[in-house]
């Protein structure tokens, strides 16, 4: 399936609630709301936040799972090593993510089709302005009153 068709299918699927795994906004809101009522059980991070300050967020994850970094570990560069090991480029080139393909509802998608650039705002290269406006309005309605936003 050509990339343009895949983006259009995704746009339609999200709006219709037919996205694989169910209406994605329900999953987002479920985890968002639970992270507010049970912050010890659900840590809600946004990709953009992690990219802006990976050190702070890796430390936040470590604390959340009960394994905070010691000062010695921080001084030894352990946090930076984890950031490098979990970087978009490392994950993208991992053997597990670069071979074979995924079959979804009679369509075959090569694993590399699930990776783009890993940068904030790259979506503008894949979604038309009309699609973006439509999804913004649609999701604003779905998230209304929850306190959740995509914008920072």
N, C-alpha and C. Protein backbone atom coordinates (compact mmCIF):
# COMPACT_ATOMS: atom_id res chain seq x y z
N UNK A 1 0.86 -1.17 0.00
CA UNK A 1 0.00 0.00 0.00
C UNK A 1 0.90 1.23 0.00
N UNK A 2 0.68 2.16 -0.94
CA UNK A 2 1.49 3.39 -0.97
C UNK A 2 1.34 4.19 0.31
N UNK A 3 2.39 4.94 0.65
CA UNK A 3 2.43 5.72 1.88
C UNK A 3 1.23 6.67 2.00
N UNK A 4 0.86 7.34 0.90
CA UNK A 4 -0.25 8.29 0.94
C UNK A 4 -1.55 7.59 1.30
N UNK A 5 -1.75 6.40 0.75
CA UNK A 5 -2.97 5.65 1.07
C UNK A 5 -2.97 5.22 2.53
N UNK A 6 -1.79 4.84 3.04
CA UNK A 6 -1.68 4.42 4.43
C UNK A 6 -2.05 5.57 5.37
N UNK A 7 -1.58 6.80 5.07
CA UNK A 7 -1.90 7.97 5.90
C UNK A 7 -3.39 8.26 5.84
N UNK A 8 -3.98 8.20 4.64
CA UNK A 8 -5.42 8.45 4.51
C UNK A 8 -6.22 7.38 5.26
N UNK A 9 -5.79 6.13 5.15
CA UNK A 9 -6.47 5.05 5.88
C UNK A 9 -6.39 5.28 7.38
N UNK A 10 -5.22 5.69 7.87
CA UNK A 10 -5.04 5.94 9.29
C UNK A 10 -5.94 7.09 9.73
N UNK A 11 -5.98 8.17 8.97
CA UNK A 11 -6.84 9.31 9.28
C UNK A 11 -8.29 8.87 9.39
N UNK A 12 -8.77 8.14 8.40
CA UNK A 12 -10.16 7.67 8.41
C UNK A 12 -10.40 6.71 9.56
N UNK A 13 -9.46 5.82 9.79
CA UNK A 13 -9.62 4.83 10.86
C UNK A 13 -9.72 5.47 12.23
N UNK A 14 -8.89 6.49 12.47
CA UNK A 14 -8.93 7.18 13.76
C UNK A 14 -10.28 7.86 13.94
N UNK A 15 -10.72 8.59 12.94
CA UNK A 15 -12.00 9.31 13.05
C UNK A 15 -13.17 8.35 13.24
N UNK A 16 -13.13 7.21 12.60
CA UNK A 16 -14.23 6.26 12.68
C UNK A 16 -14.13 5.34 13.89
N UNK A 17 -13.04 5.45 14.65
CA UNK A 17 -12.86 4.60 15.82
C UNK A 17 -12.50 3.18 15.45
N UNK A 18 -12.12 2.97 14.20
CA UNK A 18 -11.83 1.61 13.71
C UNK A 18 -10.34 1.31 13.70
N UNK A 19 -9.57 2.14 14.36
CA UNK A 19 -8.13 1.94 14.42
C UNK A 19 -7.84 0.65 15.16
N UNK A 20 -6.86 -0.11 14.69
CA UNK A 20 -6.51 -1.38 15.31
C UNK A 20 -6.30 -1.19 16.81
N UNK A 21 -7.01 -1.91 17.61
CA UNK A 21 -6.91 -1.78 19.05
C UNK A 21 -8.01 -0.92 19.65
N UNK A 22 -8.89 -0.41 18.82
CA UNK A 22 -10.01 0.37 19.31
C UNK A 22 -9.80 1.85 19.14
N UNK A 23 -10.78 2.64 19.55
CA UNK A 23 -10.64 4.09 19.43
C UNK A 23 -9.45 4.59 20.24
N UNK A 24 -8.45 5.12 19.55
CA UNK A 24 -7.20 5.51 20.20
C UNK A 24 -7.41 6.57 21.26
N UNK A 25 -8.37 7.49 21.06
CA UNK A 25 -8.59 8.54 22.05
C UNK A 25 -9.09 7.96 23.37
N UNK A 26 -9.79 6.84 23.33
CA UNK A 26 -10.24 6.21 24.58
C UNK A 26 -9.05 5.65 25.35
N UNK A 27 -8.08 5.09 24.64
CA UNK A 27 -6.87 4.59 25.31
C UNK A 27 -6.08 5.75 25.92
N UNK A 28 -5.91 6.81 25.14
CA UNK A 28 -5.17 7.98 25.64
C UNK A 28 -5.84 8.53 26.89
N UNK A 29 -7.15 8.75 26.82
CA UNK A 29 -7.87 9.30 27.97
C UNK A 29 -7.85 8.36 29.17
N UNK A 30 -7.95 7.07 28.90
CA UNK A 30 -7.91 6.11 30.01
C UNK A 30 -6.61 6.18 30.78
N UNK A 31 -5.51 6.18 30.05
CA UNK A 31 -4.21 6.27 30.72
C UNK A 31 -3.99 7.67 31.32
N UNK A 32 -4.43 8.71 30.63
CA UNK A 32 -4.29 10.07 31.14
C UNK A 32 -5.02 10.21 32.47
N UNK A 33 -6.28 9.80 32.49
CA UNK A 33 -7.09 9.92 33.71
C UNK A 33 -6.53 9.07 34.84
N UNK A 34 -6.09 7.87 34.53
CA UNK A 34 -5.53 7.01 35.57
C UNK A 34 -4.21 7.58 36.09
N UNK A 35 -3.43 8.22 35.23
CA UNK A 35 -2.18 8.82 35.69
C UNK A 35 -2.45 9.95 36.68
N UNK A 36 -3.62 10.57 36.58
CA UNK A 36 -3.98 11.64 37.51
C UNK A 36 -4.50 11.09 38.83
N UNK A 37 -5.27 10.00 38.78
CA UNK A 37 -5.84 9.45 40.01
C UNK A 37 -4.93 8.44 40.69
N UNK A 38 -4.05 7.81 39.93
CA UNK A 38 -3.12 6.82 40.48
C UNK A 38 -1.72 7.06 39.94
N UNK A 39 -1.11 8.17 40.30
CA UNK A 39 0.21 8.49 39.74
C UNK A 39 1.30 7.50 40.13
N UNK A 40 1.04 6.68 41.14
CA UNK A 40 2.00 5.65 41.51
C UNK A 40 1.87 4.41 40.63
N UNK A 41 0.80 4.33 39.85
CA UNK A 41 0.55 3.16 38.99
C UNK A 41 0.76 3.45 37.51
N UNK A 42 0.52 4.69 37.08
CA UNK A 42 0.64 5.04 35.66
C UNK A 42 1.47 6.31 35.52
N UNK A 43 2.53 6.21 34.77
CA UNK A 43 3.36 7.36 34.44
C UNK A 43 3.05 7.72 32.99
N UNK A 44 2.51 8.89 32.78
CA UNK A 44 2.08 9.33 31.45
C UNK A 44 3.13 10.30 30.92
N UNK A 45 3.81 9.91 29.85
CA UNK A 45 4.81 10.76 29.23
C UNK A 45 4.43 11.01 27.78
N UNK A 46 4.71 12.19 27.31
CA UNK A 46 4.49 12.52 25.90
C UNK A 46 5.84 12.48 25.20
N UNK A 47 5.84 11.95 23.99
CA UNK A 47 7.07 11.81 23.21
C UNK A 47 7.83 13.14 23.13
N UNK A 48 7.10 14.20 22.88
CA UNK A 48 7.71 15.51 22.75
C UNK A 48 8.43 15.92 24.03
N UNK A 49 7.83 15.62 25.18
CA UNK A 49 8.45 15.95 26.45
C UNK A 49 9.74 15.17 26.65
N UNK A 50 9.71 13.90 26.29
CA UNK A 50 10.90 13.06 26.43
C UNK A 50 12.02 13.58 25.52
N UNK A 51 11.68 13.96 24.30
CA UNK A 51 12.69 14.50 23.38
C UNK A 51 13.28 15.81 23.89
N UNK A 52 12.45 16.66 24.46
CA UNK A 52 12.92 17.97 24.94
C UNK A 52 13.89 17.84 26.11
N UNK A 53 13.63 16.89 26.99
CA UNK A 53 14.49 16.73 28.17
C UNK A 53 14.64 15.25 28.51
N UNK A 54 15.43 14.54 27.72
CA UNK A 54 15.55 13.10 27.95
C UNK A 54 16.14 12.74 29.32
N UNK A 55 17.09 13.50 29.79
CA UNK A 55 17.70 13.19 31.08
C UNK A 55 16.67 13.25 32.19
N UNK A 56 15.92 14.33 32.26
CA UNK A 56 14.89 14.48 33.29
C UNK A 56 13.88 13.32 33.21
N UNK A 57 13.49 12.95 32.00
CA UNK A 57 12.46 11.92 31.85
C UNK A 57 12.98 10.51 32.12
N UNK A 58 14.24 10.23 31.79
CA UNK A 58 14.83 8.93 32.13
C UNK A 58 14.93 8.81 33.65
N UNK A 59 15.31 9.89 34.30
CA UNK A 59 15.37 9.89 35.77
C UNK A 59 13.97 9.72 36.36
N UNK A 60 12.98 10.34 35.74
CA UNK A 60 11.59 10.22 36.20
C UNK A 60 11.12 8.76 36.08
N UNK A 61 11.45 8.11 34.98
CA UNK A 61 11.08 6.71 34.77
C UNK A 61 11.75 5.83 35.81
N UNK A 62 13.03 6.07 36.05
CA UNK A 62 13.77 5.27 37.04
C UNK A 62 13.15 5.42 38.42
N UNK A 63 12.80 6.63 38.79
CA UNK A 63 12.14 6.84 40.09
C UNK A 63 10.79 6.16 40.13
N UNK A 64 10.04 6.26 39.04
CA UNK A 64 8.71 5.65 38.98
C UNK A 64 8.77 4.15 39.21
N UNK A 65 9.77 3.48 38.65
CA UNK A 65 9.86 2.02 38.81
C UNK A 65 10.62 1.62 40.08
N UNK A 66 10.94 2.62 40.89
CA UNK A 66 11.59 2.32 42.17
C UNK A 66 13.07 2.05 42.08
N UNK A 67 13.71 2.53 41.01
CA UNK A 67 15.14 2.32 40.83
C UNK A 67 15.84 3.63 40.48
N UNK A 68 15.74 4.62 41.38
CA UNK A 68 16.37 5.91 41.06
C UNK A 68 17.89 5.76 40.91
N UNK A 69 18.47 6.63 40.12
CA UNK A 69 19.92 6.61 39.91
C UNK A 69 20.62 7.23 41.11
N UNK A 70 21.71 6.63 41.47
CA UNK A 70 22.54 7.21 42.54
C UNK A 70 23.36 8.34 41.92
N UNK A 71 23.92 9.18 42.78
CA UNK A 71 24.78 10.26 42.29
C UNK A 71 25.97 9.67 41.53
N UNK A 72 26.50 8.56 42.03
CA UNK A 72 27.64 7.93 41.37
C UNK A 72 27.27 7.44 39.97
N UNK A 73 26.07 6.88 39.82
CA UNK A 73 25.61 6.42 38.50
C UNK A 73 25.43 7.60 37.55
N UNK A 74 24.88 8.68 38.08
CA UNK A 74 24.73 9.87 37.24
C UNK A 74 26.09 10.40 36.80
N UNK A 75 27.03 10.48 37.75
CA UNK A 75 28.38 10.97 37.43
C UNK A 75 29.09 10.06 36.45
N UNK A 76 28.80 8.77 36.50
CA UNK A 76 29.45 7.80 35.61
C UNK A 76 28.85 7.82 34.20
N UNK A 77 27.79 8.61 34.00
CA UNK A 77 27.20 8.72 32.67
C UNK A 77 26.19 7.63 32.32
N UNK A 78 25.66 6.96 33.33
CA UNK A 78 24.70 5.88 33.09
C UNK A 78 23.45 6.42 32.40
N UNK A 79 22.96 7.57 32.84
CA UNK A 79 21.74 8.13 32.24
C UNK A 79 21.98 8.42 30.76
N UNK A 80 23.10 9.02 30.42
CA UNK A 80 23.42 9.33 29.03
C UNK A 80 23.55 8.05 28.20
N UNK A 81 24.11 7.00 28.80
CA UNK A 81 24.23 5.72 28.10
C UNK A 81 22.86 5.13 27.78
N UNK A 82 21.94 5.25 28.73
CA UNK A 82 20.58 4.75 28.50
C UNK A 82 19.90 5.56 27.40
N UNK A 83 20.08 6.86 27.44
CA UNK A 83 19.50 7.73 26.41
C UNK A 83 20.02 7.30 25.04
N UNK A 84 21.30 7.04 24.94
CA UNK A 84 21.89 6.62 23.65
C UNK A 84 21.34 5.25 23.22
N UNK A 85 21.28 4.31 24.14
CA UNK A 85 20.77 2.96 23.82
C UNK A 85 19.31 2.97 23.40
N UNK A 86 18.55 3.91 23.94
CA UNK A 86 17.11 4.01 23.63
C UNK A 86 16.82 5.08 22.59
N UNK A 87 17.83 5.59 21.95
CA UNK A 87 17.63 6.66 20.97
C UNK A 87 16.82 6.15 19.78
N UNK A 88 16.20 7.08 19.11
CA UNK A 88 15.40 6.74 17.94
C UNK A 88 16.25 6.01 16.91
N UNK A 89 17.45 6.52 16.66
CA UNK A 89 18.32 5.88 15.66
C UNK A 89 18.68 4.45 16.04
N UNK A 90 19.02 4.23 17.31
CA UNK A 90 19.34 2.86 17.76
C UNK A 90 18.14 1.94 17.59
N UNK A 91 16.97 2.42 18.00
CA UNK A 91 15.76 1.60 17.91
C UNK A 91 15.41 1.32 16.45
N UNK A 92 15.56 2.33 15.61
CA UNK A 92 15.22 2.19 14.19
C UNK A 92 16.12 1.17 13.51
N UNK A 93 17.38 1.15 13.88
CA UNK A 93 18.33 0.25 13.22
C UNK A 93 18.48 -1.09 13.92
N UNK A 94 17.73 -1.28 14.98
CA UNK A 94 17.77 -2.56 15.69
C UNK A 94 17.34 -3.68 14.74
N UNK A 95 18.03 -4.79 14.78
CA UNK A 95 17.68 -5.93 13.92
C UNK A 95 16.24 -6.36 14.07
N UNK A 96 15.70 -6.24 15.26
CA UNK A 96 14.31 -6.65 15.50
C UNK A 96 13.33 -5.76 14.77
N UNK A 97 13.71 -4.54 14.47
CA UNK A 97 12.80 -3.59 13.84
C UNK A 97 13.10 -3.33 12.37
N UNK A 98 14.11 -3.97 11.82
CA UNK A 98 14.49 -3.64 10.45
C UNK A 98 14.27 -4.77 9.46
N UNK A 99 13.75 -5.87 9.91
CA UNK A 99 13.52 -6.98 8.99
C UNK A 99 12.08 -7.44 9.08
N UNK A 100 11.68 -8.18 8.07
CA UNK A 100 10.35 -8.78 8.05
C UNK A 100 9.27 -7.71 7.87
N UNK A 101 8.05 -8.08 8.12
CA UNK A 101 6.94 -7.15 7.97
C UNK A 101 5.82 -7.55 8.93
N UNK A 102 4.85 -6.67 9.05
CA UNK A 102 3.72 -6.89 9.93
C UNK A 102 2.46 -7.01 9.08
N UNK A 103 1.67 -8.01 9.35
CA UNK A 103 0.43 -8.20 8.62
C UNK A 103 -0.73 -7.68 9.47
N UNK A 104 -1.45 -6.71 8.93
CA UNK A 104 -2.60 -6.14 9.63
C UNK A 104 -3.78 -6.15 8.68
N UNK A 105 -4.78 -6.91 9.04
CA UNK A 105 -6.03 -6.94 8.29
C UNK A 105 -5.80 -7.03 6.77
N UNK A 106 -5.13 -8.07 6.34
CA UNK A 106 -4.88 -8.40 4.94
C UNK A 106 -3.91 -7.44 4.26
N UNK A 107 -3.30 -6.52 4.98
CA UNK A 107 -2.28 -5.65 4.42
C UNK A 107 -0.95 -6.00 5.05
N UNK A 108 0.10 -5.84 4.26
CA UNK A 108 1.44 -6.12 4.76
C UNK A 108 2.22 -4.82 4.82
N UNK A 109 2.82 -4.53 5.99
CA UNK A 109 3.58 -3.31 6.19
C UNK A 109 5.00 -3.68 6.62
N UNK A 110 6.00 -3.24 5.86
CA UNK A 110 7.38 -3.49 6.31
C UNK A 110 7.63 -2.75 7.62
N UNK A 111 8.41 -3.34 8.51
CA UNK A 111 8.67 -2.72 9.81
C UNK A 111 9.17 -1.29 9.69
N UNK A 112 10.00 -1.03 8.67
CA UNK A 112 10.54 0.34 8.54
C UNK A 112 9.45 1.37 8.26
N UNK A 113 8.27 0.94 7.83
CA UNK A 113 7.19 1.91 7.58
C UNK A 113 6.62 2.48 8.88
N UNK A 114 6.98 1.91 10.01
CA UNK A 114 6.50 2.40 11.30
C UNK A 114 7.46 3.43 11.89
N UNK A 115 8.55 3.71 11.21
CA UNK A 115 9.53 4.68 11.68
C UNK A 115 9.63 5.81 10.67
N UNK A 116 9.66 7.03 11.18
CA UNK A 116 9.91 8.17 10.31
C UNK A 116 11.25 8.76 10.73
N UNK A 117 11.22 9.99 11.24
CA UNK A 117 12.47 10.66 11.62
C UNK A 117 12.65 10.74 13.13
N UNK A 118 11.57 10.63 13.88
CA UNK A 118 11.67 10.73 15.33
C UNK A 118 11.89 12.15 15.80
N UNK A 119 11.43 13.13 15.02
CA UNK A 119 11.58 14.53 15.41
C UNK A 119 10.20 15.15 15.59
N UNK A 120 10.16 16.13 16.46
CA UNK A 120 8.90 16.84 16.72
C UNK A 120 8.49 17.61 15.47
N UNK A 121 7.23 17.46 15.09
CA UNK A 121 6.68 18.23 13.99
C UNK A 121 6.82 17.59 12.62
N UNK A 122 7.46 16.43 12.52
CA UNK A 122 7.62 15.79 11.21
C UNK A 122 6.30 15.35 10.61
N UNK A 123 5.26 15.30 11.41
CA UNK A 123 3.95 14.88 10.90
C UNK A 123 3.49 15.76 9.75
N UNK A 124 3.94 17.03 9.69
CA UNK A 124 3.50 17.91 8.61
C UNK A 124 3.94 17.42 7.24
N UNK A 125 4.93 16.54 7.21
CA UNK A 125 5.39 15.97 5.95
C UNK A 125 4.58 14.75 5.53
N UNK A 126 3.62 14.35 6.35
CA UNK A 126 2.87 13.13 6.09
C UNK A 126 1.36 13.31 6.12
N UNK A 127 0.91 14.45 6.60
CA UNK A 127 -0.52 14.72 6.76
C UNK A 127 -0.83 16.05 6.08
N UNK A 128 -1.90 16.07 5.32
CA UNK A 128 -2.29 17.32 4.67
C UNK A 128 -2.81 18.31 5.71
N UNK A 129 -2.76 19.62 5.42
CA UNK A 129 -3.30 20.60 6.36
C UNK A 129 -4.79 20.34 6.66
N UNK A 130 -5.53 19.90 5.67
CA UNK A 130 -6.95 19.60 5.88
C UNK A 130 -7.14 18.44 6.85
N UNK A 131 -6.31 17.40 6.69
CA UNK A 131 -6.39 16.26 7.60
C UNK A 131 -6.01 16.69 9.01
N UNK A 132 -4.97 17.51 9.13
CA UNK A 132 -4.53 17.98 10.44
C UNK A 132 -5.63 18.78 11.13
N UNK A 133 -6.25 19.70 10.40
CA UNK A 133 -7.35 20.50 10.96
C UNK A 133 -8.50 19.60 11.39
N UNK A 134 -8.85 18.66 10.55
CA UNK A 134 -9.95 17.74 10.84
C UNK A 134 -9.67 16.92 12.10
N UNK A 135 -8.46 16.37 12.19
CA UNK A 135 -8.10 15.59 13.38
C UNK A 135 -8.01 16.45 14.63
N UNK A 136 -7.46 17.67 14.48
CA UNK A 136 -7.39 18.58 15.63
C UNK A 136 -8.78 18.85 16.20
N UNK A 137 -9.71 19.17 15.34
CA UNK A 137 -11.08 19.44 15.78
C UNK A 137 -11.72 18.20 16.39
N UNK A 138 -11.55 17.09 15.72
CA UNK A 138 -12.13 15.83 16.19
C UNK A 138 -11.60 15.46 17.57
N UNK A 139 -10.26 15.49 17.72
CA UNK A 139 -9.67 15.09 19.00
C UNK A 139 -9.89 16.14 20.08
N UNK A 140 -9.98 17.42 19.72
CA UNK A 140 -10.32 18.45 20.71
C UNK A 140 -11.68 18.15 21.34
N UNK A 141 -12.61 17.73 20.51
CA UNK A 141 -13.94 17.35 21.02
C UNK A 141 -13.84 16.14 21.95
N UNK A 142 -13.06 15.15 21.54
CA UNK A 142 -12.94 13.92 22.34
C UNK A 142 -12.24 14.18 23.67
N UNK A 143 -11.25 15.10 23.68
CA UNK A 143 -10.48 15.36 24.90
C UNK A 143 -11.04 16.52 25.73
N UNK A 144 -12.11 17.14 25.27
CA UNK A 144 -12.68 18.30 25.94
C UNK A 144 -12.95 18.01 27.43
N UNK A 145 -12.45 18.90 28.27
CA UNK A 145 -12.70 18.79 29.70
C UNK A 145 -11.76 17.86 30.45
N UNK A 146 -10.89 17.14 29.73
CA UNK A 146 -10.00 16.18 30.39
C UNK A 146 -8.71 16.81 30.89
N UNK A 147 -8.34 17.95 30.33
CA UNK A 147 -7.07 18.56 30.65
C UNK A 147 -5.94 18.05 29.78
N UNK A 148 -6.22 17.07 28.94
CA UNK A 148 -5.19 16.52 28.05
C UNK A 148 -5.14 17.33 26.76
N UNK A 149 -3.92 17.66 26.33
CA UNK A 149 -3.72 18.31 25.04
C UNK A 149 -2.47 17.73 24.39
N UNK A 150 -2.43 17.86 23.08
CA UNK A 150 -1.20 17.49 22.36
C UNK A 150 -0.24 18.66 22.36
N UNK A 151 -0.75 19.86 22.43
CA UNK A 151 0.07 21.05 22.41
C UNK A 151 0.73 21.24 23.77
N UNK A 152 1.91 21.80 23.72
CA UNK A 152 2.64 22.08 24.96
C UNK A 152 2.54 23.54 25.30
